[in-house]
Amino acid sequence: MFEFFTDHGKQAVAASQDEAIALGHDFIGTEHLLLGLLAAEGGTAAGVLRGQNVNLARARQETVRVLEAAGIVAAGGQPARDALSSIGIDVAEIQRQADASFGPGAFQFPRPAYTPEARKALENTLGEAQALGRDRFGTEHILLGLLTVLEGHALKVLAALQVDPAALRETVLAHTAPEGP
């Protein structure tokens, strides 16, 4: 499915993983997808969100606050590291060897997995793009897909930033005209 994303769409999805890692989360949730959309600065979604007075720094701050309020703390993958350590695997040594062989940051552990809500948002991206007559998915379609997932934390982050999801959807649609025949 990744091959159907535009360059900005790919950039946003990759940035969502980077944001999760930077925040010390061992998962990628809808809130991280939102951060990834903001990090993909040239994408339609970032422009629309900036128009709603949402920037990456504020969204990142609210993401941390919303997750902490939900009892989700940044573990930085420590439970997985502890489990491997208990069977004699030294993740820090693997990191050092990978950095020496492939360059700093080449090895990230654990690789964050997408939450069911984030997967649902990405799946809904397809439907949103198709409804607009697109065969490639841009950041605008990811944002529209994200807005369909009521269970994720992204909508809580947007609410904390005083963004109305319905109005945001209308603004995105206004910036995304359907393709003609």
Protein backbone atom coordinates (compact mmCIF):
# COMPACT_ATOMS: atom_id res chain seq x y z
CA MET A 1 0.00 0.00 0.00
CA PHE A 2 2.93 2.35 0.73
CA GLU A 3 3.70 2.59 -2.99
CA PHE A 4 0.38 4.39 -3.54
CA PHE A 5 1.32 7.30 -1.27
CA THR A 6 2.58 10.56 -2.75
CA ASP A 7 6.05 11.69 -1.71
CA HIS A 8 4.56 13.96 0.95
CA GLY A 9 2.32 11.11 2.10
CA LYS A 10 5.33 8.80 2.45
CA GLN A 11 7.20 11.54 4.26
CA ALA A 12 4.32 11.95 6.73
CA VAL A 13 4.05 8.23 7.45
CA ALA A 14 7.81 7.95 7.98
CA ALA A 15 7.78 11.05 10.18
CA SER A 16 5.05 9.52 12.35
CA GLN A 17 7.45 6.72 13.25
CA ASP A 18 10.22 9.23 13.94
CA GLU A 19 7.88 11.22 16.18
CA ALA A 20 6.90 8.12 18.16
CA ILE A 21 10.55 7.20 18.68
CA ALA A 22 11.51 10.77 19.62
CA LEU A 23 8.75 10.84 22.23
CA GLY A 24 9.89 7.49 23.64
CA HIS A 25 6.78 5.60 22.56
CA ASP A 26 6.99 2.01 21.36
CA PHE A 27 3.81 2.37 19.28
CA ILE A 28 2.54 4.62 16.50
CA GLY A 29 -0.92 5.93 17.25
CA THR A 30 -3.21 8.34 15.48
CA GLU A 31 -1.57 11.13 17.47
CA HIS A 32 1.79 10.25 15.91
CA LEU A 33 0.21 10.23 12.44
CA LEU A 34 -1.03 13.75 13.18
CA LEU A 35 2.50 14.78 14.15
CA GLY A 36 3.84 13.16 10.99
CA LEU A 37 1.39 15.17 8.89
CA LEU A 38 2.65 18.36 10.49
CA ALA A 39 6.27 17.31 9.97
CA ALA A 40 5.62 16.84 6.21
CA GLU A 41 5.64 20.61 5.80
CA GLY A 42 5.02 20.72 2.05
CA GLY A 43 1.89 18.58 2.25
CA THR A 44 -1.65 19.85 2.02
CA ALA A 45 -2.48 18.60 5.53
CA ALA A 46 0.32 20.62 7.14
CA GLY A 47 -0.88 23.76 5.38
CA VAL A 48 -4.48 23.22 6.41
CA LEU A 49 -3.46 22.47 10.01
CA ARG A 50 -1.25 25.59 10.13
CA GLY A 51 -4.30 27.53 8.95
CA GLN A 52 -6.05 26.22 12.06
CA ASN A 53 -3.17 27.54 14.23
CA VAL A 54 -1.77 24.07 14.77
CA ASN A 55 1.99 23.72 14.60
CA LEU A 56 4.26 20.76 15.27
CA ALA A 57 5.63 22.02 18.60
CA ARG A 58 2.17 22.68 20.08
CA ALA A 59 0.79 19.39 18.74
CA ARG A 60 3.76 17.49 20.16
CA GLN A 61 3.24 19.14 23.55
CA GLU A 62 -0.48 18.30 23.56
CA THR A 63 0.24 14.73 22.43
CA VAL A 64 2.45 14.18 25.47
CA ARG A 65 -0.16 15.77 27.75
CA VAL A 66 -3.07 13.76 26.30
CA LEU A 67 -1.16 10.48 26.51
CA GLU A 68 0.03 11.14 30.06
CA ALA A 69 -3.56 11.99 31.06
CA ALA A 70 -4.57 8.61 29.61
CA GLY A 71 -1.90 6.90 31.72
CA ILE A 72 0.44 6.25 28.78
CA VAL A 73 4.02 7.09 29.60
CA ALA A 74 7.09 7.08 27.41
CA ALA A 75 8.87 3.81 28.11
CA GLY A 76 11.36 4.17 25.25
CA GLY A 77 11.07 0.48 24.52
CA GLN A 78 12.45 -0.46 27.93
CA PRO A 79 10.07 -3.42 28.47
CA ALA A 80 11.27 -5.01 25.20
CA ARG A 81 14.91 -4.30 26.10
CA ASP A 82 14.37 -5.86 29.53
CA ALA A 83 12.80 -8.96 28.00
CA LEU A 84 15.74 -9.44 25.64
CA SER A 85 18.20 -8.79 28.44
CA SER A 86 16.56 -11.52 30.50
CA ILE A 87 17.60 -14.05 27.83
CA GLY A 88 21.11 -12.65 27.46
CA ILE A 89 20.73 -10.27 24.52
CA ASP A 90 22.44 -6.89 24.99
CA VAL A 91 20.50 -4.41 22.87
CA ALA A 92 22.93 -1.60 23.71
CA GLU A 93 25.82 -3.66 22.30
CA ILE A 94 23.82 -4.40 19.15
CA GLN A 95 23.18 -0.64 18.85
CA ARG A 96 26.91 0.13 19.19
CA GLN A 97 27.86 -2.45 16.56
CA ALA A 98 25.16 -1.28 14.14
CA ASP A 99 26.23 2.35 14.59
CA ALA A 100 29.86 1.38 13.95
CA SER A 101 28.97 -0.65 10.86
CA PHE A 102 26.14 1.36 9.31
CA GLY A 103 26.32 4.82 10.89
CA PRO A 104 24.67 6.44 13.89
CA GLY A 105 20.95 5.83 14.19
CA ALA A 106 20.86 3.00 11.64
CA PHE A 107 19.44 0.61 14.23
CA GLN A 108 16.26 1.55 16.08
CA PHE A 109 14.86 -0.79 18.69
CA PRO A 110 12.14 -1.47 19.23
CA ARG A 111 10.53 -0.54 15.94
CA PRO A 112 7.21 0.99 16.92
CA ALA A 113 4.14 -0.88 15.72
CA TYR A 114 0.98 0.82 14.53
CA THR A 115 -1.94 0.75 16.94
CA PRO A 116 -5.22 -0.69 15.62
CA GLU A 117 -6.58 2.87 15.48
CA ALA A 118 -3.62 4.10 13.41
CA ARG A 119 -3.97 1.12 11.05
CA LYS A 120 -7.67 1.93 10.70
CA ALA A 121 -6.84 5.56 9.87
CA LEU A 122 -4.39 4.44 7.19
CA GLU A 123 -6.92 1.97 5.79
CA ASN A 124 -9.56 4.72 5.72
CA THR A 125 -7.10 6.86 3.77
CA LEU A 126 -7.73 4.61 0.77
CA GLY A 127 -11.49 5.17 0.90
CA GLU A 128 -11.04 8.92 1.30
CA ALA A 129 -8.72 9.10 -1.71
CA GLN A 130 -11.03 6.94 -3.83
CA ALA A 131 -14.05 9.08 -2.89
CA LEU A 132 -12.15 12.04 -4.32
CA GLY A 133 -11.20 10.15 -7.48
CA ARG A 134 -7.54 9.73 -6.55
CA ASP A 135 -5.40 6.67 -7.05
CA ARG A 136 -2.52 8.05 -4.94
CA PHE A 137 -2.77 9.07 -1.30
CA GLY A 138 -1.53 12.45 -0.17
CA THR A 139 -1.34 14.01 3.26
CA GLU A 140 -4.83 15.40 2.80
CA HIS A 141 -6.22 11.87 2.43
CA ILE A 142 -4.30 10.68 5.49
CA LEU A 143 -5.78 13.57 7.48
CA LEU A 144 -9.27 12.74 6.24
CA GLY A 145 -8.72 9.09 7.18
CA LEU A 146 -7.43 10.16 10.58
CA LEU A 147 -10.56 12.21 11.23
CA THR A 148 -12.73 9.09 10.79
CA VAL A 149 -11.15 7.28 13.75
CA LEU A 150 -13.01 8.38 16.85
CA GLU A 151 -11.13 6.04 19.20
CA GLY A 152 -7.65 7.42 18.63
CA HIS A 153 -5.86 10.14 20.57
CA ALA A 154 -5.42 12.44 17.54
CA LEU A 155 -8.93 13.84 17.93
CA LYS A 156 -8.21 14.55 21.62
CA VAL A 157 -5.05 16.40 20.62
CA LEU A 158 -7.00 18.41 18.05
CA ALA A 159 -9.70 19.19 20.62
CA ALA A 160 -7.03 20.40 23.06
CA LEU A 161 -5.78 22.67 20.27
CA GLN A 162 -9.35 23.93 19.78
CA VAL A 163 -9.76 22.41 16.33
CA ASP A 164 -13.22 21.20 15.35
CA PRO A 165 -12.85 17.92 13.38
CA ALA A 166 -15.95 18.56 11.25
CA ALA A 167 -14.78 22.04 10.27
CA LEU A 168 -11.27 20.69 9.64
CA ARG A 169 -12.71 18.02 7.34
CA GLU A 170 -14.61 20.67 5.36
CA THR A 171 -11.46 22.78 5.05
CA VAL A 172 -9.44 19.80 3.81
CA LEU A 173 -12.13 18.95 1.27
CA ALA A 174 -12.17 22.56 0.06
CA HIS A 175 -8.42 22.26 -0.59
CA THR A 176 -8.85 18.91 -2.35
CA ALA A 177 -11.02 19.11 -5.42
CA PRO A 178 -12.02 15.75 -6.96
CA GLU A 179 -10.26 14.81 -10.17
CA GLY A 180 -12.31 15.18 -13.29
CA PRO A 181 -12.96 12.48 -15.90
